[in-house]
Each structure stands twice: as structure tokens, then as C-alpha cells.
Amino acid sequence: LIDADKLGHAVYVPGGPAYERVVATFGAEILNEDG
């Protein structure tokens, strides 16, 4: 079993494959205090 919803959450975590590009595109204001 592969849960693509879980993969979707995993791409957003710090160090995840989409994290840096999402933050660069949408700005640091989308971050919580813990990053």
C-alpha cells in the first residue's frame, strides 16, 4: 500500500523535496515558529 496523501504531507516537511521551493515561492509568512 502507498498512501499518496501521506506522501503529500511528507513533501512539505522541513528537508522534504518541495519544502524549499514552496517557502521560496510563497514566502516565510507561511511558516510556523518551528519552521
Full PDB file with SEQRES, HELIX, SHEET, SSBOND, CRYST1, ORIGX, SCALE, CONECT and MASTER records, all heavy atoms in Angstrom:
SEQRES   1 A   35  LEU ILE ASP ALA ASP LYS LEU GLY HIS ALA VAL TYR VAL          
SEQRES   2 A   35  PRO GLY GLY PRO ALA TYR GLU ARG VAL VAL ALA THR PHE          
SEQRES   3 A   35  GLY ALA GLU ILE LEU ASN GLU ASP GLY                          
HELIX    1 AA1 ALA A    4  ALA A   10  1                                   7    
HELIX    2 AA2 TYR A   19  PHE A   26  1                                   8    
HELIX    3 AA3 ALA A   28  ILE A   30  5                                   3    
CRYST1    1.000    1.000    1.000  90.00  90.00  90.00 P 1           1          
ORIGX1      1.000000  0.000000  0.000000        0.00000                         
ORIGX2      0.000000  1.000000  0.000000        0.00000                         
ORIGX3      0.000000  0.000000  1.000000        0.00000                         
SCALE1      1.000000  0.000000  0.000000        0.00000                         
SCALE2      0.000000  1.000000  0.000000        0.00000                         
SCALE3      0.000000  0.000000  1.000000        0.00000                         
ATOM      1  N   LEU A   1       0.819  -1.212   0.000  1.00  0.00           N  
ATOM      2  CA  LEU A   1       0.000   0.000   0.000  1.00  0.00           C  
ATOM      3  C   LEU A   1       0.853   1.261   0.000  1.00  0.00           C  
ATOM      4  O   LEU A   1       1.833   1.364   0.737  1.00  0.00           O  
ATOM      5  CB  LEU A   1      -0.927   0.016   1.216  1.00  0.00           C  
ATOM      6  CG  LEU A   1      -1.890  -1.165   1.335  1.00  0.00           C  
ATOM      7  CD1 LEU A   1      -2.725  -1.043   2.600  1.00  0.00           C  
ATOM      8  CD2 LEU A   1      -2.781  -1.260   0.110  1.00  0.00           C  
ATOM      9  N   ILE A   2       0.449   2.211  -0.822  1.00  0.00           N  
ATOM     10  CA  ILE A   2       1.069   3.532  -0.873  1.00  0.00           C  
ATOM     11  C   ILE A   2      -0.032   4.547  -0.625  1.00  0.00           C  
ATOM     12  O   ILE A   2      -1.030   4.575  -1.343  1.00  0.00           O  
ATOM     13  CB  ILE A   2       1.717   3.801  -2.244  1.00  0.00           C  
ATOM     14  CG1 ILE A   2       2.821   2.783  -2.519  1.00  0.00           C  
ATOM     15  CG2 ILE A   2       2.256   5.226  -2.311  1.00  0.00           C  
ATOM     16  CD1 ILE A   2       3.362   2.850  -3.931  1.00  0.00           C  
ATOM     17  N   ASP A   3       0.135   5.387   0.389  1.00  0.00           N  
ATOM     18  CA  ASP A   3      -0.843   6.425   0.701  1.00  0.00           C  
ATOM     19  C   ASP A   3      -0.307   7.748   0.168  1.00  0.00           C  
ATOM     20  O   ASP A   3       0.576   8.358   0.764  1.00  0.00           O  
ATOM     21  CB  ASP A   3      -1.077   6.490   2.214  1.00  0.00           C  
ATOM     22  CG  ASP A   3      -2.180   7.447   2.604  1.00  0.00           C  
ATOM     23  OD1 ASP A   3      -2.461   8.398   1.835  1.00  0.00           O  
ATOM     24  OD2 ASP A   3      -2.762   7.271   3.688  1.00  0.00           O  
ATOM     25  N   ALA A   4      -0.830   8.183  -0.973  1.00  0.00           N  
ATOM     26  CA  ALA A   4      -0.339   9.410  -1.597  1.00  0.00           C  
ATOM     27  C   ALA A   4      -0.648  10.633  -0.744  1.00  0.00           C  
ATOM     28  O   ALA A   4       0.066  11.639  -0.828  1.00  0.00           O  
ATOM     29  CB  ALA A   4      -0.926   9.564  -3.004  1.00  0.00           C  
ATOM     30  N   ASP A   5      -1.693  10.568   0.092  1.00  0.00           N  
ATOM     31  CA  ASP A   5      -1.971  11.689   0.998  1.00  0.00           C  
ATOM     32  C   ASP A   5      -0.811  11.860   1.982  1.00  0.00           C  
ATOM     33  O   ASP A   5      -0.386  12.981   2.260  1.00  0.00           O  
ATOM     34  CB  ASP A   5      -3.282  11.470   1.754  1.00  0.00           C  
ATOM     35  CG  ASP A   5      -4.504  11.495   0.842  1.00  0.00           C  
ATOM     36  OD1 ASP A   5      -4.437  12.154  -0.221  1.00  0.00           O  
ATOM     37  OD2 ASP A   5      -5.513  10.873   1.184  1.00  0.00           O  
ATOM     38  N   LYS A   6      -0.274  10.747   2.476  1.00  0.00           N  
ATOM     39  CA  LYS A   6       0.879  10.830   3.382  1.00  0.00           C  
ATOM     40  C   LYS A   6       2.104  11.349   2.651  1.00  0.00           C  
ATOM     41  O   LYS A   6       2.881  12.129   3.199  1.00  0.00           O  
ATOM     42  CB  LYS A   6       1.166   9.468   4.004  1.00  0.00           C  
ATOM     43  CG  LYS A   6       0.155   9.063   5.047  1.00  0.00           C  
ATOM     44  CD  LYS A   6       0.505   7.738   5.678  1.00  0.00           C  
ATOM     45  CE  LYS A   6      -0.577   7.354   6.685  1.00  0.00           C  
ATOM     46  NZ  LYS A   6      -0.362   6.009   7.209  1.00  0.00           N  
ATOM     47  N   LEU A   7       2.279  10.936   1.409  1.00  0.00           N  
ATOM     48  CA  LEU A   7       3.390  11.461   0.618  1.00  0.00           C  
ATOM     49  C   LEU A   7       3.223  12.964   0.422  1.00  0.00           C  
ATOM     50  O   LEU A   7       4.199  13.724   0.481  1.00  0.00           O  
ATOM     51  CB  LEU A   7       3.474  10.764  -0.746  1.00  0.00           C  
ATOM     52  CG  LEU A   7       3.757   9.264  -0.758  1.00  0.00           C  
ATOM     53  CD1 LEU A   7       3.796   8.749  -2.191  1.00  0.00           C  
ATOM     54  CD2 LEU A   7       5.037   8.940  -0.021  1.00  0.00           C  
ATOM     55  N   GLY A   8       1.978  13.386   0.219  1.00  0.00           N  
ATOM     56  CA  GLY A   8       1.693  14.807   0.059  1.00  0.00           C  
ATOM     57  C   GLY A   8       2.092  15.613   1.277  1.00  0.00           C  
ATOM     58  O   GLY A   8       2.605  16.727   1.161  1.00  0.00           O  
ATOM     59  N   HIS A   9       1.881  15.053   2.450  1.00  0.00           N  
ATOM     60  CA  HIS A   9       2.301  15.744   3.666  1.00  0.00           C  
ATOM     61  C   HIS A   9       3.824  15.716   3.794  1.00  0.00           C  
ATOM     62  O   HIS A   9       4.434  16.684   4.257  1.00  0.00           O  
ATOM     63  CB  HIS A   9       1.638  15.116   4.898  1.00  0.00           C  
ATOM     64  CG  HIS A   9       0.182  15.440   5.001  1.00  0.00           C  
ATOM     65  ND1 HIS A   9      -0.276  16.625   5.520  1.00  0.00           N  
ATOM     66  CD2 HIS A   9      -0.917  14.743   4.634  1.00  0.00           C  
ATOM     67  CE1 HIS A   9      -1.598  16.647   5.471  1.00  0.00           C  
ATOM     68  NE2 HIS A   9      -2.010  15.514   4.940  1.00  0.00           N  
ATOM     69  N   ALA A  10       4.440  14.610   3.380  1.00  0.00           N  
ATOM     70  CA  ALA A  10       5.887  14.456   3.529  1.00  0.00           C  
ATOM     71  C   ALA A  10       6.672  15.452   2.673  1.00  0.00           C  
ATOM     72  O   ALA A  10       7.768  15.859   3.057  1.00  0.00           O  
ATOM     73  CB  ALA A  10       6.303  13.026   3.184  1.00  0.00           C  
ATOM     74  N   VAL A  11       6.118  15.861   1.528  1.00  0.00           N  
ATOM     75  CA  VAL A  11       6.871  16.787   0.677  1.00  0.00           C  
ATOM     76  C   VAL A  11       7.000  18.167   1.303  1.00  0.00           C  
ATOM     77  O   VAL A  11       7.893  18.929   0.944  1.00  0.00           O  
ATOM     78  CB  VAL A  11       6.289  16.909  -0.758  1.00  0.00           C  
ATOM     79  CG1 VAL A  11       6.309  15.589  -1.479  1.00  0.00           C  
ATOM     80  CG2 VAL A  11       4.926  17.535  -0.766  1.00  0.00           C  
ATOM     81  N   TYR A  12       6.115  18.492   2.270  1.00  0.00           N  
ATOM     82  CA  TYR A  12       6.107  19.817   2.885  1.00  0.00           C  
ATOM     83  C   TYR A  12       6.991  19.931   4.129  1.00  0.00           C  
ATOM     84  O   TYR A  12       7.246  21.030   4.587  1.00  0.00           O  
ATOM     85  CB  TYR A  12       4.680  20.186   3.327  1.00  0.00           C  
ATOM     86  CG  TYR A  12       3.749  20.518   2.197  1.00  0.00           C  
ATOM     87  CD1 TYR A  12       2.839  19.585   1.716  1.00  0.00           C  
ATOM     88  CD2 TYR A  12       3.742  21.789   1.625  1.00  0.00           C  
ATOM     89  CE1 TYR A  12       1.963  19.894   0.699  1.00  0.00           C  
ATOM     90  CE2 TYR A  12       2.872  22.104   0.603  1.00  0.00           C  
ATOM     91  CZ  TYR A  12       1.978  21.158   0.148  1.00  0.00           C  
ATOM     92  OH  TYR A  12       1.126  21.479  -0.859  1.00  0.00           O  
ATOM     93  N   VAL A  13       7.430  18.818   4.696  1.00  0.00           N  
ATOM     94  CA  VAL A  13       8.192  18.891   5.947  1.00  0.00           C  
ATOM     95  C   VAL A  13       9.554  19.521   5.687  1.00  0.00           C  
ATOM     96  O   VAL A  13      10.087  19.413   4.577  1.00  0.00           O  
ATOM     97  CB  VAL A  13       8.363  17.504   6.621  1.00  0.00           C  
ATOM     98  CG1 VAL A  13       7.018  16.892   6.977  1.00  0.00           C  
ATOM     99  CG2 VAL A  13       9.177  16.565   5.764  1.00  0.00           C  
ATOM    100  N   PRO A  14      10.125  20.198   6.707  1.00  0.00           N  
ATOM    101  CA  PRO A  14      11.464  20.766   6.515  1.00  0.00           C  
ATOM    102  C   PRO A  14      12.430  19.675   6.050  1.00  0.00           C  
ATOM    103  O   PRO A  14      12.471  18.584   6.604  1.00  0.00           O  
ATOM    104  CB  PRO A  14      11.825  21.276   7.919  1.00  0.00           C  
ATOM    105  CG  PRO A  14      10.494  21.596   8.539  1.00  0.00           C  
ATOM    106  CD  PRO A  14       9.564  20.517   8.017  1.00  0.00           C  
ATOM    107  N   GLY A  15      13.152  19.971   4.995  1.00  0.00           N  
ATOM    108  CA  GLY A  15      14.048  18.993   4.401  1.00  0.00           C  
ATOM    109  C   GLY A  15      13.366  18.128   3.364  1.00  0.00           C  
ATOM    110  O   GLY A  15      14.018  17.371   2.651  1.00  0.00           O  
ATOM    111  N   GLY A  16      12.036  18.208   3.271  1.00  0.00           N  
ATOM    112  CA  GLY A  16      11.284  17.446   2.273  1.00  0.00           C  
ATOM    113  C   GLY A  16      11.553  17.998   0.882  1.00  0.00           C  
ATOM    114  O   GLY A  16      12.032  19.128   0.713  1.00  0.00           O  
ATOM    115  N   PRO A  17      11.227  17.223  -0.140  1.00  0.00           N  
ATOM    116  CA  PRO A  17      11.612  17.603  -1.502  1.00  0.00           C  
ATOM    117  C   PRO A  17      10.969  18.878  -2.049  1.00  0.00           C  
ATOM    118  O   PRO A  17      11.500  19.479  -2.977  1.00  0.00           O  
ATOM    119  CB  PRO A  17      11.224  16.385  -2.342  1.00  0.00           C  
ATOM    120  CG  PRO A  17      10.259  15.625  -1.526  1.00  0.00           C  
ATOM    121  CD  PRO A  17      10.566  15.927  -0.091  1.00  0.00           C  
ATOM    122  N   ALA A  18       9.839  19.327  -1.490  1.00  0.00           N  
ATOM    123  CA  ALA A  18       9.194  20.540  -2.006  1.00  0.00           C  
ATOM    124  C   ALA A  18       9.314  21.718  -1.037  1.00  0.00           C  
ATOM    125  O   ALA A  18       8.963  22.842  -1.396  1.00  0.00           O  
ATOM    126  CB  ALA A  18       7.725  20.267  -2.308  1.00  0.00           C  
ATOM    127  N   TYR A  19       9.818  21.474   0.145  1.00  0.00           N  
ATOM    128  CA  TYR A  19       9.825  22.488   1.213  1.00  0.00           C  
ATOM    129  C   TYR A  19      10.473  23.802   0.774  1.00  0.00           C  
ATOM    130  O   TYR A  19       9.854  24.868   0.844  1.00  0.00           O  
ATOM    131  CB  TYR A  19      10.531  21.918   2.445  1.00  0.00           C  
ATOM    132  CG  TYR A  19      10.626  22.892   3.599  1.00  0.00           C  
ATOM    133  CD1 TYR A  19       9.572  23.047   4.488  1.00  0.00           C  
ATOM    134  CD2 TYR A  19      11.772  23.648   3.792  1.00  0.00           C  
ATOM    135  CE1 TYR A  19       9.666  23.929   5.549  1.00  0.00           C  
ATOM    136  CE2 TYR A  19      11.865  24.541   4.845  1.00  0.00           C  
ATOM    137  CZ  TYR A  19      10.817  24.677   5.730  1.00  0.00           C  
ATOM    138  OH  TYR A  19      10.901  25.559   6.775  1.00  0.00           O  
ATOM    139  N   GLU A  20      11.710  23.742   0.328  1.00  0.00           N  
ATOM    140  CA  GLU A  20      12.449  24.969  -0.009  1.00  0.00           C  
ATOM    141  C   GLU A  20      11.762  25.750  -1.124  1.00  0.00           C  
ATOM    142  O   GLU A  20      11.631  26.977  -1.040  1.00  0.00           O  
ATOM    143  CB  GLU A  20      13.896  24.636  -0.417  1.00  0.00           C  
ATOM    144  CG  GLU A  20      14.746  24.061   0.696  1.00  0.00           C  
ATOM    145  CD  GLU A  20      15.011  25.047   1.834  1.00  0.00           C  
ATOM    146  OE1 GLU A  20      14.975  26.276   1.592  1.00  0.00           O  
ATOM    147  OE2 GLU A  20      15.231  24.571   2.961  1.00  0.00           O  
ATOM    148  N   ARG A  21      11.312  25.051  -2.162  1.00  0.00           N  
ATOM    149  CA  ARG A  21      10.659  25.743  -3.288  1.00  0.00           C  
ATOM    150  C   ARG A  21       9.330  26.358  -2.878  1.00  0.00           C  
ATOM    151  O   ARG A  21       8.988  27.459  -3.322  1.00  0.00           O  
ATOM    152  CB  ARG A  21      10.460  24.786  -4.467  1.00  0.00           C  
ATOM    153  CG  ARG A  21      11.759  24.522  -5.210  1.00  0.00           C  
ATOM    154  CD  ARG A  21      11.557  23.723  -6.475  1.00  0.00           C  
ATOM    155  NE  ARG A  21      10.669  24.381  -7.425  1.00  0.00           N  
ATOM    156  CZ  ARG A  21       9.981  23.736  -8.362  1.00  0.00           C  
ATOM    157  NH1 ARG A  21      10.102  22.423  -8.479  1.00  0.00           N  
ATOM    158  NH2 ARG A  21       9.201  24.384  -9.186  1.00  0.00           N  
ATOM    159  N   VAL A  22       8.578  25.667  -2.002  1.00  0.00           N  
ATOM    160  CA  VAL A  22       7.289  26.212  -1.545  1.00  0.00           C  
ATOM    161  C   VAL A  22       7.533  27.471  -0.726  1.00  0.00           C  
ATOM    162  O   VAL A  22       6.873  28.505  -0.924  1.00  0.00           O  
ATOM    163  CB  VAL A  22       6.493  25.159  -0.748  1.00  0.00           C  
ATOM    164  CG1 VAL A  22       5.274  25.791  -0.070  1.00  0.00           C  
ATOM    165  CG2 VAL A  22       6.044  24.020  -1.665  1.00  0.00           C  
ATOM    166  N   VAL A  23       8.495  27.424   0.190  1.00  0.00           N  
ATOM    167  CA  VAL A  23       8.801  28.601   1.007  1.00  0.00           C  
ATOM    168  C   VAL A  23       9.320  29.738   0.135  1.00  0.00           C  
ATOM    169  O   VAL A  23       8.913  30.894   0.293  1.00  0.00           O  
ATOM    170  CB  VAL A  23       9.804  28.249   2.134  1.00  0.00           C  
ATOM    171  CG1 VAL A  23      10.242  29.500   2.886  1.00  0.00           C  
ATOM    172  CG2 VAL A  23       9.190  27.236   3.101  1.00  0.00           C  
ATOM    173  N   ALA A  24      10.196  29.438  -0.821  1.00  0.00           N  
ATOM    174  CA  ALA A  24      10.735  30.473  -1.709  1.00  0.00           C  
ATOM    175  C   ALA A  24       9.627  31.103  -2.546  1.00  0.00           C  
ATOM    176  O   ALA A  24       9.638  32.315  -2.805  1.00  0.00           O  
ATOM    177  CB  ALA A  24      11.814  29.879  -2.611  1.00  0.00           C  
ATOM    178  N   THR A  25       8.661  30.310  -2.958  1.00  0.00           N  
ATOM    179  CA  THR A  25       7.589  30.811  -3.821  1.00  0.00           C  
ATOM    180  C   THR A  25       6.538  31.594  -3.050  1.00  0.00           C  
ATOM    181  O   THR A  25       6.044  32.617  -3.527  1.00  0.00           O  
ATOM    182  CB  THR A  25       6.916  29.634  -4.574  1.00  0.00           C  
ATOM    183  OG1 THR A  25       7.910  28.936  -5.318  1.00  0.00           O  
ATOM    184  CG2 THR A  25       5.813  30.116  -5.504  1.00  0.00           C  
ATOM    185  N   PHE A  26       6.195  31.125  -1.832  1.00  0.00           N  
ATOM    186  CA  PHE A  26       5.069  31.727  -1.109  1.00  0.00           C  
ATOM    187  C   PHE A  26       5.479  32.557   0.103  1.00  0.00           C  
ATOM    188  O   PHE A  26       4.632  33.150   0.749  1.00  0.00           O  
ATOM    189  CB  PHE A  26       4.066  30.631  -0.733  1.00  0.00           C  
ATOM    190  CG  PHE A  26       3.452  29.998  -1.944  1.00  0.00           C  
ATOM    191  CD1 PHE A  26       3.927  28.792  -2.423  1.00  0.00           C  
ATOM    192  CD2 PHE A  26       2.442  30.632  -2.645  1.00  0.00           C  
ATOM    193  CE1 PHE A  26       3.395  28.219  -3.574  1.00  0.00           C  
ATOM    194  CE2 PHE A  26       1.900  30.076  -3.788  1.00  0.00           C  
ATOM    195  CZ  PHE A  26       2.379  28.863  -4.255  1.00  0.00           C  
ATOM    196  N   GLY A  27       6.758  32.602   0.406  1.00  0.00           N  
ATOM    197  CA  GLY A  27       7.250  33.488   1.450  1.00  0.00           C  
ATOM    198  C   GLY A  27       7.312  32.859   2.831  1.00  0.00           C  
ATOM    199  O   GLY A  27       6.611  31.896   3.137  1.00  0.00           O  
ATOM    200  N   ALA A  28       8.161  33.447   3.669  1.00  0.00           N  
ATOM    201  CA  ALA A  28       8.382  32.936   5.022  1.00  0.00           C  
ATOM    202  C   ALA A  28       7.149  33.092   5.905  1.00  0.00           C  
ATOM    203  O   ALA A  28       7.057  32.438   6.957  1.00  0.00           O  
ATOM    204  CB  ALA A  28       9.582  33.642   5.658  1.00  0.00           C  
ATOM    205  N   GLU A  29       6.190  33.917   5.509  1.00  0.00           N  
ATOM    206  CA  GLU A  29       4.980  34.088   6.331  1.00  0.00           C  
ATOM    207  C   GLU A  29       4.109  32.823   6.376  1.00  0.00           C  
ATOM    208  O   GLU A  29       3.190  32.733   7.182  1.00  0.00           O  
ATOM    209  CB  GLU A  29       4.155  35.298   5.880  1.00  0.00           C  
ATOM    210  CG  GLU A  29       3.561  35.197   4.491  1.00  0.00           C  
ATOM    211  CD  GLU A  29       4.475  35.760   3.397  1.00  0.00           C  
ATOM    212  OE1 GLU A  29       5.668  35.985   3.629  1.00  0.00           O  
ATOM    213  OE2 GLU A  29       3.961  35.961   2.290  1.00  0.00           O  
ATOM    214  N   ILE A  30       4.418  31.828   5.544  1.00  0.00           N  
ATOM    215  CA  ILE A  30       3.662  30.571   5.600  1.00  0.00           C  
ATOM    216  C   ILE A  30       4.234  29.614   6.641  1.00  0.00           C  
ATOM    217  O   ILE A  30       3.689  28.540   6.855  1.00  0.00           O  
ATOM    218  CB  ILE A  30       3.617  29.857   4.220  1.00  0.00           C  
ATOM    219  CG1 ILE A  30       4.998  29.386   3.795  1.00  0.00           C  
ATOM    220  CG2 ILE A  30       2.942  30.735   3.180  1.00  0.00           C  
ATOM    221  CD1 ILE A  30       4.995  28.449   2.603  1.00  0.00           C  
ATOM    222  N   LEU A  31       5.322  30.022   7.310  1.00  0.00           N  
ATOM    223  CA  LEU A  31       5.987  29.136   8.265  1.00  0.00           C  
ATOM    224  C   LEU A  31       5.469  29.339   9.684  1.00  0.00           C  
ATOM    225  O   LEU A  31       5.191  30.465  10.106  1.00  0.00           O  
ATOM    226  CB  LEU A  31       7.504  29.371   8.250  1.00  0.00           C  
ATOM    227  CG  LEU A  31       8.218  29.053   6.938  1.00  0.00           C  
ATOM    228  CD1 LEU A  31       9.694  29.416   7.050  1.00  0.00           C  
ATOM    229  CD2 LEU A  31       8.044  27.589   6.568  1.00  0.00           C  
ATOM    230  N   ASN A  32       5.375  28.226  10.403  1.00  0.00           N  
ATOM    231  CA  ASN A  32       5.124  28.278  11.839  1.00  0.00           C  
ATOM    232  C   ASN A  32       6.433  28.652  12.526  1.00  0.00           C  
ATOM    233  O   ASN A  32       7.498  28.647  11.906  1.00  0.00           O  
ATOM    234  CB  ASN A  32       4.651  26.899  12.343  1.00  0.00           C  
ATOM    235  CG  ASN A  32       3.287  26.540  11.820  1.00  0.00           C  
ATOM    236  OD1 ASN A  32       2.357  27.340  11.859  1.00  0.00           O  
ATOM    237  ND2 ASN A  32       3.165  25.314  11.315  1.00  0.00           N  
ATOM    238  N   GLU A  33       6.365  28.918  13.827  1.00  0.00           N  
ATOM    239  CA  GLU A  33       7.575  29.281  14.573  1.00  0.00           C  
ATOM    240  C   GLU A  33       8.636  28.190  14.527  1.00  0.00           C  
ATOM    241  O   GLU A  33       9.825  28.470  14.554  1.00  0.00           O  
ATOM    242  CB  GLU A  33       7.219  29.609  16.029  1.00  0.00           C  
ATOM    243  CG  GLU A  33       6.521  30.949  16.178  1.00  0.00           C  
ATOM    244  CD  GLU A  33       6.247  31.294  17.626  1.00  0.00           C  
ATOM    245  OE1 GLU A  33       6.929  30.749  18.520  1.00  0.00           O  
ATOM    246  OE2 GLU A  33       5.351  32.127  17.843  1.00  0.00           O  
ATOM    247  N   ASP A  34       8.185  26.923  14.448  1.00  0.00           N  
ATOM    248  CA  ASP A  34       9.150  25.816  14.433  1.00  0.00           C  
ATOM    249  C   ASP A  34       9.716  25.527  13.042  1.00  0.00           C  
ATOM    250  O   ASP A  34      10.466  24.582  12.851  1.00  0.00           O  
ATOM    251  CB  ASP A  34       8.526  24.552  15.029  1.00  0.00           C  
ATOM    252  CG  ASP A  34       7.346  24.026  14.210  1.00  0.00           C  
ATOM    253  OD1 ASP A  34       6.980  24.645  13.178  1.00  0.00           O  
ATOM    254  OD2 ASP A  34       6.783  22.988  14.602  1.00  0.00           O  
ATOM    255  N   GLY A  35       9.354  26.340  12.051  1.00  0.00           N  
ATOM    256  CA  GLY A  35       9.885  26.179  10.703  1.00  0.00           C  
ATOM    257  C   GLY A  35       9.046  25.290   9.804  1.00  0.00           C  
ATOM    258  O   GLY A  35       9.347  25.158   8.616  1.00  0.00           O  
TER     259      GLY A  35                                                      
MASTER        0    0    0    3    0    0    0    6  258    1    0    3          
END                                                                             
